Amino acid sequence: MNQEIVNTIKERYSRDLRKGVVKNILQHEKNDDKEAQEASYKMIDQIFSYIISELSWRLSENSNAWDDTPLKIISEAFPKIETTKWFKDKQLVIEPKK
């Protein structure tokens, strides 16, 4: 199932587009351009919501057994997304405290 989601994302969005999205996010974060950053986050949030929806992932259902599968999937589909503040913010919400 996870690989199917990754493949679907890769089919819908070309490699150049996926790399460009991450590059734009990083650039907007570096420049601290809040408006542009928000627009970039909105796009990646929509894709992340699709992943969560396809997995039928729910925070309330997973609160005792944390599952970072959505982050793993988006990392595989969007190279270097894990270097963004967006990703780090999602990690704080999804990953268990160590």
PDB file of N, CA and C in Angstrom:
ATOM      1  N   MET A   1       0.827  -1.206   0.000  1.00  0.00           N
ATOM      2  CA  MET A   1       0.000   0.000   0.000  1.00  0.00           C
ATOM      3  C   MET A   1       0.870   1.268   0.000  1.00  0.00           C
ATOM      4  N   ASN A   2       1.894   1.291   0.850  1.00  0.00           N
ATOM      5  CA  ASN A   2       2.737   2.480   0.925  1.00  0.00           C
ATOM      6  C   ASN A   2       3.426   2.764  -0.397  1.00  0.00           C
ATOM      7  N   GLN A   3       3.946   1.706  -1.025  1.00  0.00           N
ATOM      8  CA  GLN A   3       4.636   1.891  -2.300  1.00  0.00           C
ATOM      9  C   GLN A   3       3.656   2.347  -3.378  1.00  0.00           C
ATOM     10  N   GLU A   4       2.417   1.904  -3.297  1.00  0.00           N
ATOM     11  CA  GLU A   4       1.389   2.345  -4.251  1.00  0.00           C
ATOM     12  C   GLU A   4       1.164   3.851  -4.126  1.00  0.00           C
ATOM     13  N   ILE A   5       1.132   4.349  -2.906  1.00  0.00           N
ATOM     14  CA  ILE A   5       0.932   5.786  -2.678  1.00  0.00           C
ATOM     15  C   ILE A   5       2.122   6.562  -3.240  1.00  0.00           C
ATOM     16  N   VAL A   6       3.325   6.097  -2.965  1.00  0.00           N
ATOM     17  CA  VAL A   6       4.533   6.750  -3.484  1.00  0.00           C
ATOM     18  C   VAL A   6       4.485   6.762  -5.008  1.00  0.00           C
ATOM     19  N   ASN A   7       4.156   5.623  -5.602  1.00  0.00           N
ATOM     20  CA  ASN A   7       4.100   5.532  -7.067  1.00  0.00           C
ATOM     21  C   ASN A   7       3.048   6.469  -7.647  1.00  0.00           C
ATOM     22  N   THR A   8       1.900   6.570  -6.999  1.00  0.00           N
ATOM     23  CA  THR A   8       0.838   7.474  -7.456  1.00  0.00           C
ATOM     24  C   THR A   8       1.321   8.918  -7.436  1.00  0.00           C
ATOM     25  N   ILE A   9       1.989   9.309  -6.363  1.00  0.00           N
ATOM     26  CA  ILE A   9       2.516  10.674  -6.259  1.00  0.00           C
ATOM     27  C   ILE A   9       3.539  10.919  -7.364  1.00  0.00           C
ATOM     28  N   LYS A  10       4.422   9.951  -7.569  1.00  0.00           N
ATOM     29  CA  LYS A  10       5.453  10.091  -8.590  1.00  0.00           C
ATOM     30  C   LYS A  10       4.856  10.161  -9.992  1.00  0.00           C
ATOM     31  N   GLU A  11       3.744   9.457 -10.205  1.00  0.00           N
ATOM     32  CA  GLU A  11       3.068   9.521 -11.505  1.00  0.00           C
ATOM     33  C   GLU A  11       2.383  10.874 -11.715  1.00  0.00           C
ATOM     34  N   ARG A  12       1.796  11.405 -10.668  1.00  0.00           N
ATOM     35  CA  ARG A  12       1.064  12.676 -10.769  1.00  0.00           C
ATOM     36  C   ARG A  12       1.989  13.883 -10.872  1.00  0.00           C
ATOM     37  N   TYR A  13       3.135  13.803 -10.192  1.00  0.00           N
ATOM     38  CA  TYR A  13       4.051  14.938 -10.131  1.00  0.00           C
ATOM     39  C   TYR A  13       5.413  14.495 -10.653  1.00  0.00           C
ATOM     40  N   SER A  14       5.888  15.137 -11.692  1.00  0.00           N
ATOM     41  CA  SER A  14       7.183  14.768 -12.275  1.00  0.00           C
ATOM     42  C   SER A  14       8.300  14.951 -11.248  1.00  0.00           C
ATOM     43  N   ARG A  15       9.401  14.286 -11.493  1.00  0.00           N
ATOM     44  CA  ARG A  15      10.562  14.399 -10.601  1.00  0.00           C
ATOM     45  C   ARG A  15      11.010  15.848 -10.490  1.00  0.00           C
ATOM     46  N   ASP A  16      11.049  16.551 -11.616  1.00  0.00           N
ATOM     47  CA  ASP A  16      11.468  17.958 -11.599  1.00  0.00           C
ATOM     48  C   ASP A  16      10.528  18.808 -10.753  1.00  0.00           C
ATOM     49  N   LEU A  17       9.226  18.546 -10.861  1.00  0.00           N
ATOM     50  CA  LEU A  17       8.253  19.300 -10.077  1.00  0.00           C
ATOM     51  C   LEU A  17       8.436  19.015  -8.589  1.00  0.00           C
ATOM     52  N   ARG A  18       8.604  17.752  -8.230  1.00  0.00           N
ATOM     53  CA  ARG A  18       8.791  17.396  -6.827  1.00  0.00           C
ATOM     54  C   ARG A  18      10.064  18.022  -6.263  1.00  0.00           C
ATOM     55  N   LYS A  19      11.142  17.981  -7.033  1.00  0.00           N
ATOM     56  CA  LYS A  19      12.390  18.612  -6.596  1.00  0.00           C
ATOM     57  C   LYS A  19      12.199  20.124  -6.482  1.00  0.00           C
ATOM     58  N   GLY A  20      11.452  20.701  -7.420  1.00  0.00           N
ATOM     59  CA  GLY A  20      11.201  22.137  -7.412  1.00  0.00           C
ATOM     60  C   GLY A  20      10.398  22.580  -6.203  1.00  0.00           C
ATOM     61  N   VAL A  21       9.434  21.780  -5.799  1.00  0.00           N
ATOM     62  CA  VAL A  21       8.623  22.107  -4.623  1.00  0.00           C
ATOM     63  C   VAL A  21       9.522  22.192  -3.389  1.00  0.00           C
ATOM     64  N   VAL A  22      10.374  21.193  -3.215  1.00  0.00           N
ATOM     65  CA  VAL A  22      11.280  21.188  -2.057  1.00  0.00           C
ATOM     66  C   VAL A  22      12.252  22.365  -2.142  1.00  0.00           C
ATOM     67  N   LYS A  23      12.776  22.608  -3.328  1.00  0.00           N
ATOM     68  CA  LYS A  23      13.706  23.730  -3.510  1.00  0.00           C
ATOM     69  C   LYS A  23      13.034  25.057  -3.157  1.00  0.00           C
ATOM     70  N   ASN A  24      11.788  25.238  -3.599  1.00  0.00           N
ATOM     71  CA  ASN A  24      11.049  26.464  -3.283  1.00  0.00           C
ATOM     72  C   ASN A  24      10.813  26.607  -1.783  1.00  0.00           C
ATOM     73  N   ILE A  25      10.430  25.510  -1.138  1.00  0.00           N
ATOM     74  CA  ILE A  25      10.199  25.561   0.306  1.00  0.00           C
ATOM     75  C   ILE A  25      11.483  25.982   1.020  1.00  0.00           C
ATOM     76  N   LEU A  26      12.584  25.342   0.660  1.00  0.00           N
ATOM     77  CA  LEU A  26      13.854  25.680   1.300  1.00  0.00           C
ATOM     78  C   LEU A  26      14.249  27.136   1.053  1.00  0.00           C
ATOM     79  N   GLN A  27      14.030  27.613  -0.157  1.00  0.00           N
ATOM     80  CA  GLN A  27      14.370  29.003  -0.488  1.00  0.00           C
ATOM     81  C   GLN A  27      13.517  29.984   0.309  1.00  0.00           C
ATOM     82  N   HIS A  28      12.212  29.712   0.385  1.00  0.00           N
ATOM     83  CA  HIS A  28      11.312  30.603   1.129  1.00  0.00           C
ATOM     84  C   HIS A  28      11.635  30.577   2.621  1.00  0.00           C
ATOM     85  N   GLU A  29      11.999  29.398   3.141  1.00  0.00           N
ATOM     86  CA  GLU A  29      12.379  29.314   4.551  1.00  0.00           C
ATOM     87  C   GLU A  29      13.670  30.093   4.798  1.00  0.00           C
ATOM     88  N   LYS A  30      14.623  29.952   3.904  1.00  0.00           N
ATOM     89  CA  LYS A  30      15.899  30.652   4.047  1.00  0.00           C
ATOM     90  C   LYS A  30      15.702  32.168   4.010  1.00  0.00           C
ATOM     91  N   ASN A  31      14.867  32.631   3.093  1.00  0.00           N
ATOM     92  CA  ASN A  31      14.609  34.068   2.945  1.00  0.00           C
ATOM     93  C   ASN A  31      13.605  34.589   3.965  1.00  0.00           C
ATOM     94  N   ASP A  32      13.025  33.669   4.737  1.00  0.00           N
ATOM     95  CA  ASP A  32      12.006  34.019   5.727  1.00  0.00           C
ATOM     96  C   ASP A  32      10.842  34.779   5.087  1.00  0.00           C
ATOM     97  N   ASP A  33      10.479  34.353   3.880  1.00  0.00           N
ATOM     98  CA  ASP A  33       9.358  34.944   3.139  1.00  0.00           C
ATOM     99  C   ASP A  33       8.081  34.206   3.549  1.00  0.00           C
ATOM    100  N   LYS A  34       7.422  34.727   4.555  1.00  0.00           N
ATOM    101  CA  LYS A  34       6.267  34.052   5.167  1.00  0.00           C
ATOM    102  C   LYS A  34       5.129  33.802   4.173  1.00  0.00           C
ATOM    103  N   GLU A  35       4.848  34.764   3.325  1.00  0.00           N
ATOM    104  CA  GLU A  35       3.744  34.622   2.373  1.00  0.00           C
ATOM    105  C   GLU A  35       4.030  33.505   1.362  1.00  0.00           C
ATOM    106  N   ALA A  36       5.217  33.527   0.788  1.00  0.00           N
ATOM    107  CA  ALA A  36       5.600  32.494  -0.181  1.00  0.00           C
ATOM    108  C   ALA A  36       5.735  31.136   0.509  1.00  0.00           C
ATOM    109  N   GLN A  37       6.232  31.167   1.720  1.00  0.00           N
ATOM    110  CA  GLN A  37       6.391  29.944   2.511  1.00  0.00           C
ATOM    111  C   GLN A  37       5.022  29.311   2.745  1.00  0.00           C
ATOM    112  N   GLU A  38       4.059  30.119   3.104  1.00  0.00           N
ATOM    113  CA  GLU A  38       2.708  29.633   3.355  1.00  0.00           C
ATOM    114  C   GLU A  38       2.110  28.991   2.106  1.00  0.00           C
ATOM    115  N   ALA A  39       2.334  29.602   0.943  1.00  0.00           N
ATOM    116  CA  ALA A  39       1.823  29.050  -0.315  1.00  0.00           C
ATOM    117  C   ALA A  39       2.481  27.704  -0.620  1.00  0.00           C
ATOM    118  N   SER A  40       3.778  27.602  -0.392  1.00  0.00           N
ATOM    119  CA  SER A  40       4.482  26.338  -0.618  1.00  0.00           C
ATOM    120  C   SER A  40       4.017  25.271   0.367  1.00  0.00           C
ATOM    121  N   TYR A  41       3.840  25.666   1.604  1.00  0.00           N
ATOM    122  CA  TYR A  41       3.370  24.720   2.621  1.00  0.00           C
ATOM    123  C   TYR A  41       1.967  24.217   2.283  1.00  0.00           C
ATOM    124  N   LYS A  42       1.145  25.104   1.754  1.00  0.00           N
ATOM    125  CA  LYS A  42      -0.226  24.717   1.418  1.00  0.00           C
ATOM    126  C   LYS A  42      -0.220  23.585   0.387  1.00  0.00           C
ATOM    127  N   MET A  43       0.655  23.693  -0.610  1.00  0.00           N
ATOM    128  CA  MET A  43       0.725  22.662  -1.645  1.00  0.00           C
ATOM    129  C   MET A  43       1.195  21.332  -1.055  1.00  0.00           C
ATOM    130  N   ILE A  44       2.262  21.354  -0.279  1.00  0.00           N
ATOM    131  CA  ILE A  44       2.786  20.112   0.284  1.00  0.00           C
ATOM    132  C   ILE A  44       1.827  19.553   1.330  1.00  0.00           C
ATOM    133  N   ASP A  45       1.106  20.420   2.036  1.00  0.00           N
ATOM    134  CA  ASP A  45       0.090  19.963   2.992  1.00  0.00           C
ATOM    135  C   ASP A  45      -1.031  19.205   2.291  1.00  0.00           C
ATOM    136  N   GLN A  46      -1.415  19.660   1.103  1.00  0.00           N
ATOM    137  CA  GLN A  46      -2.455  18.959   0.344  1.00  0.00           C
ATOM    138  C   GLN A  46      -2.000  17.551  -0.028  1.00  0.00           C
ATOM    139  N   ILE A  47      -0.754  17.428  -0.433  1.00  0.00           N
ATOM    140  CA  ILE A  47      -0.212  16.112  -0.784  1.00  0.00           C
ATOM    141  C   ILE A  47      -0.092  15.258   0.476  1.00  0.00           C
ATOM    142  N   PHE A  48       0.343  15.853   1.570  1.00  0.00           N
ATOM    143  CA  PHE A  48       0.455  15.127   2.829  1.00  0.00           C
ATOM    144  C   PHE A  48      -0.924  14.663   3.305  1.00  0.00           C
ATOM    145  N   SER A  49      -1.933  15.493   3.121  1.00  0.00           N
ATOM    146  CA  SER A  49      -3.305  15.116   3.483  1.00  0.00           C
ATOM    147  C   SER A  49      -3.780  13.932   2.651  1.00  0.00           C
ATOM    148  N   TYR A  50      -3.408  13.925   1.374  1.00  0.00           N
ATOM    149  CA  TYR A  50      -3.742  12.792   0.505  1.00  0.00           C
ATOM    150  C   TYR A  50      -3.115  11.507   1.056  1.00  0.00           C
ATOM    151  N   ILE A  51      -1.859  11.576   1.463  1.00  0.00           N
ATOM    152  CA  ILE A  51      -1.169  10.408   2.015  1.00  0.00           C
ATOM    153  C   ILE A  51      -1.893   9.911   3.265  1.00  0.00           C
ATOM    154  N   ILE A  52      -2.194  10.825   4.155  1.00  0.00           N
ATOM    155  CA  ILE A  52      -2.892  10.462   5.394  1.00  0.00           C
ATOM    156  C   ILE A  52      -4.249   9.846   5.086  1.00  0.00           C
ATOM    157  N   SER A  53      -4.948  10.426   4.136  1.00  0.00           N
ATOM    158  CA  SER A  53      -6.251   9.907   3.737  1.00  0.00           C
ATOM    159  C   SER A  53      -6.152   8.492   3.166  1.00  0.00           C
ATOM    160  N   GLU A  54      -5.187   8.282   2.292  1.00  0.00           N
ATOM    161  CA  GLU A  54      -5.006   6.957   1.673  1.00  0.00           C
ATOM    162  C   GLU A  54      -4.646   5.895   2.709  1.00  0.00           C
ATOM    163  N   LEU A  55      -3.946   6.286   3.741  1.00  0.00           N
ATOM    164  CA  LEU A  55      -3.568   5.356   4.799  1.00  0.00           C
ATOM    165  C   LEU A  55      -4.665   5.168   5.841  1.00  0.00           C
ATOM    166  N   SER A  56      -5.696   6.013   5.757  1.00  0.00           N
ATOM    167  CA  SER A  56      -6.738   6.059   6.799  1.00  0.00           C
ATOM    168  C   SER A  56      -6.093   6.297   8.164  1.00  0.00           C
ATOM    169  N   TRP A  57      -5.085   7.157   8.167  1.00  0.00           N
ATOM    170  CA  TRP A  57      -4.314   7.454   9.367  1.00  0.00           C
ATOM    171  C   TRP A  57      -5.039   8.500  10.176  1.00  0.00           C
ATOM    172  N   ARG A  58      -5.176   8.251  11.464  1.00  0.00           N
ATOM    173  CA  ARG A  58      -5.842   9.199  12.357  1.00  0.00           C
ATOM    174  C   ARG A  58      -4.991   9.400  13.598  1.00  0.00           C
ATOM    175  N   LEU A  59      -4.765  10.626  13.958  1.00  0.00           N
ATOM    176  CA  LEU A  59      -3.958  10.943  15.136  1.00  0.00           C
ATOM    177  C   LEU A  59      -4.565  10.331  16.389  1.00  0.00           C
ATOM    178  N   SER A  60      -5.858  10.493  16.575  1.00  0.00           N
ATOM    179  CA  SER A  60      -6.486  10.003  17.796  1.00  0.00           C
ATOM    180  C   SER A  60      -6.390   8.483  17.918  1.00  0.00           C
ATOM    181  N   GLU A  61      -6.455   7.793  16.797  1.00  0.00           N
ATOM    182  CA  GLU A  61      -6.364   6.336  16.816  1.00  0.00           C
ATOM    183  C   GLU A  61      -4.932   5.877  17.043  1.00  0.00           C
ATOM    184  N   ASN A  62      -3.970   6.706  16.720  1.00  0.00           N
ATOM    185  CA  ASN A  62      -2.574   6.306  16.786  1.00  0.00           C
ATOM    186  C   ASN A  62      -1.813   6.956  17.935  1.00  0.00           C
ATOM    187  N   SER A  63      -2.511   7.591  18.834  1.00  0.00           N
ATOM    188  CA  SER A  63      -1.821   8.351  19.870  1.00  0.00           C
ATOM    189  C   SER A  63      -0.995   7.476  20.812  1.00  0.00           C
ATOM    190  N   ASN A  64      -1.371   6.236  21.014  1.00  0.00           N
ATOM    191  CA  ASN A  64      -0.594   5.357  21.888  1.00  0.00           C
ATOM    192  C   ASN A  64       0.480   4.588  21.137  1.00  0.00           C
ATOM    193  N   ALA A  65       0.260   4.325  19.881  1.00  0.00           N
ATOM    194  CA  ALA A  65       1.230   3.603  19.053  1.00  0.00           C
ATOM    195  C   ALA A  65       1.579   4.497  17.871  1.00  0.00           C
ATOM    196  N   TRP A  66       2.517   5.397  18.085  1.00  0.00           N
ATOM    197  CA  TRP A  66       2.858   6.385  17.063  1.00  0.00           C
ATOM    198  C   TRP A  66       3.294   5.721  15.777  1.00  0.00           C
ATOM    199  N   ASP A  67       2.859   6.301  14.686  1.00  0.00           N
ATOM    200  CA  ASP A  67       3.144   5.745  13.360  1.00  0.00           C
ATOM    201  C   ASP A  67       3.606   6.894  12.469  1.00  0.00           C
ATOM    202  N   ASP A  68       4.861   6.849  12.041  1.00  0.00           N
ATOM    203  CA  ASP A  68       5.389   7.919  11.205  1.00  0.00           C
ATOM    204  C   ASP A  68       5.380   7.555   9.716  1.00  0.00           C
ATOM    205  N   THR A  69       4.544   6.607   9.345  1.00  0.00           N
ATOM    206  CA  THR A  69       4.451   6.179   7.949  1.00  0.00           C
ATOM    207  C   THR A  69       4.178   7.336   6.990  1.00  0.00           C
ATOM    208  N   PRO A  70       3.275   8.264   7.301  1.00  0.00           N
ATOM    209  CA  PRO A  70       3.056   9.382   6.366  1.00  0.00           C
ATOM    210  C   PRO A  70       4.336  10.166   6.072  1.00  0.00           C
ATOM    211  N   LEU A  71       5.169  10.369   7.086  1.00  0.00           N
ATOM    212  CA  LEU A  71       6.436  11.087   6.887  1.00  0.00           C
ATOM    213  C   LEU A  71       7.399  10.279   6.027  1.00  0.00           C
ATOM    214  N   LYS A  72       7.426   8.978   6.239  1.00  0.00           N
ATOM    215  CA  LYS A  72       8.297   8.116   5.432  1.00  0.00           C
ATOM    216  C   LYS A  72       7.883   8.154   3.968  1.00  0.00           C
ATOM    217  N   ILE A  73       6.593   8.139   3.724  1.00  0.00           N
ATOM    218  CA  ILE A  73       6.086   8.157   2.349  1.00  0.00           C
ATOM    219  C   ILE A  73       6.429   9.475   1.665  1.00  0.00           C
ATOM    220  N   ILE A  74       6.170  10.587   2.327  1.00  0.00           N
ATOM    221  CA  ILE A  74       6.446  11.875   1.691  1.00  0.00           C
ATOM    222  C   ILE A  74       7.948  12.066   1.493  1.00  0.00           C
ATOM    223  N   SER A  75       8.753  11.505   2.379  1.00  0.00           N
ATOM    224  CA  SER A  75      10.213  11.574   2.220  1.00  0.00           C
ATOM    225  C   SER A  75      10.678  10.809   0.995  1.00  0.00           C
ATOM    226  N   GLU A  76      10.032   9.687   0.753  1.00  0.00           N
ATOM    227  CA  GLU A  76      10.405   8.892  -0.419  1.00  0.00           C
ATOM    228  C   GLU A  76       9.961   9.569  -1.719  1.00  0.00           C
ATOM    229  N   ALA A  77       8.806  10.205  -1.687  1.00  0.00           N
ATOM    230  CA  ALA A  77       8.277  10.838  -2.900  1.00  0.00           C
ATOM    231  C   ALA A  77       8.924  12.191  -3.187  1.00  0.00           C
ATOM    232  N   PHE A  78       9.333  12.906  -2.138  1.00  0.00           N
ATOM    233  CA  PHE A  78       9.914  14.241  -2.293  1.00  0.00           C
ATOM    234  C   PHE A  78      11.327  14.262  -1.717  1.00  0.00           C
ATOM    235  N   PRO A  79      12.326  14.046  -2.573  1.00  0.00           N
ATOM    236  CA  PRO A  79      13.712  14.020  -2.097  1.00  0.00           C
ATOM    237  C   PRO A  79      14.075  15.302  -1.329  1.00  0.00           C
ATOM    238  N   LYS A  80      14.725  15.132  -0.212  1.00  0.00           N
ATOM    239  CA  LYS A  80      15.244  16.207   0.643  1.00  0.00           C
ATOM    240  C   LYS A  80      14.166  16.992   1.389  1.00  0.00           C
ATOM    241  N   ILE A  81      12.910  16.541   1.349  1.00  0.00           N
ATOM    242  CA  ILE A  81      11.859  17.235   2.102  1.00  0.00           C
ATOM    243  C   ILE A  81      12.179  17.228   3.595  1.00  0.00           C
ATOM    244  N   GLU A  82      12.931  16.214   4.031  1.00  0.00           N
ATOM    245  CA  GLU A  82      13.264  16.108   5.458  1.00  0.00           C
ATOM    246  C   GLU A  82      14.201  17.213   5.926  1.00  0.00           C
ATOM    247  N   THR A  83      14.754  18.003   5.000  1.00  0.00           N
ATOM    248  CA  THR A  83      15.629  19.115   5.377  1.00  0.00           C
ATOM    249  C   THR A  83      14.856  20.412   5.604  1.00  0.00           C
ATOM    250  N   THR A  84      13.546  20.386   5.407  1.00  0.00           N
ATOM    251  CA  THR A  84      12.740  21.603   5.544  1.00  0.00           C
ATOM    252  C   THR A  84      12.198  21.772   6.959  1.00  0.00           C
ATOM    253  N   LYS A  85      11.885  23.005   7.304  1.00  0.00           N
ATOM    254  CA  LYS A  85      11.227  23.283   8.581  1.00  0.00           C
ATOM    255  C   LYS A  85       9.837  22.652   8.595  1.00  0.00           C
ATOM    256  N   TRP A  86       9.183  22.624   7.429  1.00  0.00           N
ATOM    257  CA  TRP A  86       7.862  22.005   7.323  1.00  0.00           C
ATOM    258  C   TRP A  86       7.920  20.570   7.833  1.00  0.00           C
ATOM    259  N   PHE A  87       8.899  19.808   7.358  1.00  0.00           N
ATOM    260  CA  PHE A  87       9.045  18.409   7.749  1.00  0.00           C
ATOM    261  C   PHE A  87       9.356  18.293   9.239  1.00  0.00           C
ATOM    262  N   LYS A  88      10.251  19.125   9.716  1.00  0.00           N
ATOM    263  CA  LYS A  88      10.616  19.088  11.134  1.00  0.00           C
ATOM    264  C   LYS A  88       9.410  19.394  12.023  1.00  0.00           C
ATOM    265  N   ASP A  89       8.554  20.316  11.585  1.00  0.00           N
ATOM    266  CA  ASP A  89       7.330  20.611  12.333  1.00  0.00           C
ATOM    267  C   ASP A  89       6.400  19.409  12.353  1.00  0.00           C
ATOM    268  N   LYS A  90       6.311  18.702  11.241  1.00  0.00           N
ATOM    269  CA  LYS A  90       5.463  17.505  11.179  1.00  0.00           C
ATOM    270  C   LYS A  90       6.029  16.413  12.077  1.00  0.00           C
ATOM    271  N   GLN A  91       7.346  16.304  12.150  1.00  0.00           N
ATOM    272  CA  GLN A  91       7.962  15.305  13.018  1.00  0.00           C
ATOM    273  C   GLN A  91       7.576  15.540  14.472  1.00  0.00           C
ATOM    274  N   LEU A  92       7.524  16.794  14.878  1.00  0.00           N
ATOM    275  CA  LEU A  92       7.161  17.115  16.254  1.00  0.00           C
ATOM    276  C   LEU A  92       5.749  16.658  16.579  1.00  0.00           C
ATOM    277  N   VAL A  93       4.887  16.676  15.571  1.00  0.00           N
ATOM    278  CA  VAL A  93       3.494  16.295  15.774  1.00  0.00           C
ATOM    279  C   VAL A  93       3.325  14.782  15.702  1.00  0.00           C
ATOM    280  N   ILE A  94       4.062  14.129  14.806  1.00  0.00           N
ATOM    281  CA  ILE A  94       3.812  12.717  14.532  1.00  0.00           C
ATOM    282  C   ILE A  94       4.725  11.766  15.277  1.00  0.00           C
ATOM    283  N   GLU A  95       5.996  12.069  15.367  1.00  0.00           N
ATOM    284  CA  GLU A  95       6.933  11.117  15.947  1.00  0.00           C
ATOM    285  C   GLU A  95       6.860  11.117  17.468  1.00  0.00           C
ATOM    286  N   PRO A  96       7.107   9.961  18.077  1.00  0.00           N
ATOM    287  CA  PRO A  96       7.077   9.872  19.543  1.00  0.00           C
ATOM    288  C   PRO A  96       8.249  10.617  20.146  1.00  0.00           C
ATOM    289  N   LYS A  97       8.056  11.060  21.366  1.00  0.00           N
ATOM    290  CA  LYS A  97       9.145  11.723  22.085  1.00  0.00           C
ATOM    291  C   LYS A  97      10.127  10.676  22.532  1.00  0.00           C
ATOM    292  N   LYS A  98      11.395  10.986  22.396  1.00  0.00           N
ATOM    293  CA  LYS A  98      12.432  10.007  22.750  1.00  0.00           C
ATOM    294  C   LYS A  98      13.022  10.316  24.089  1.00  0.00           C
TER     295      LYS A  98
END
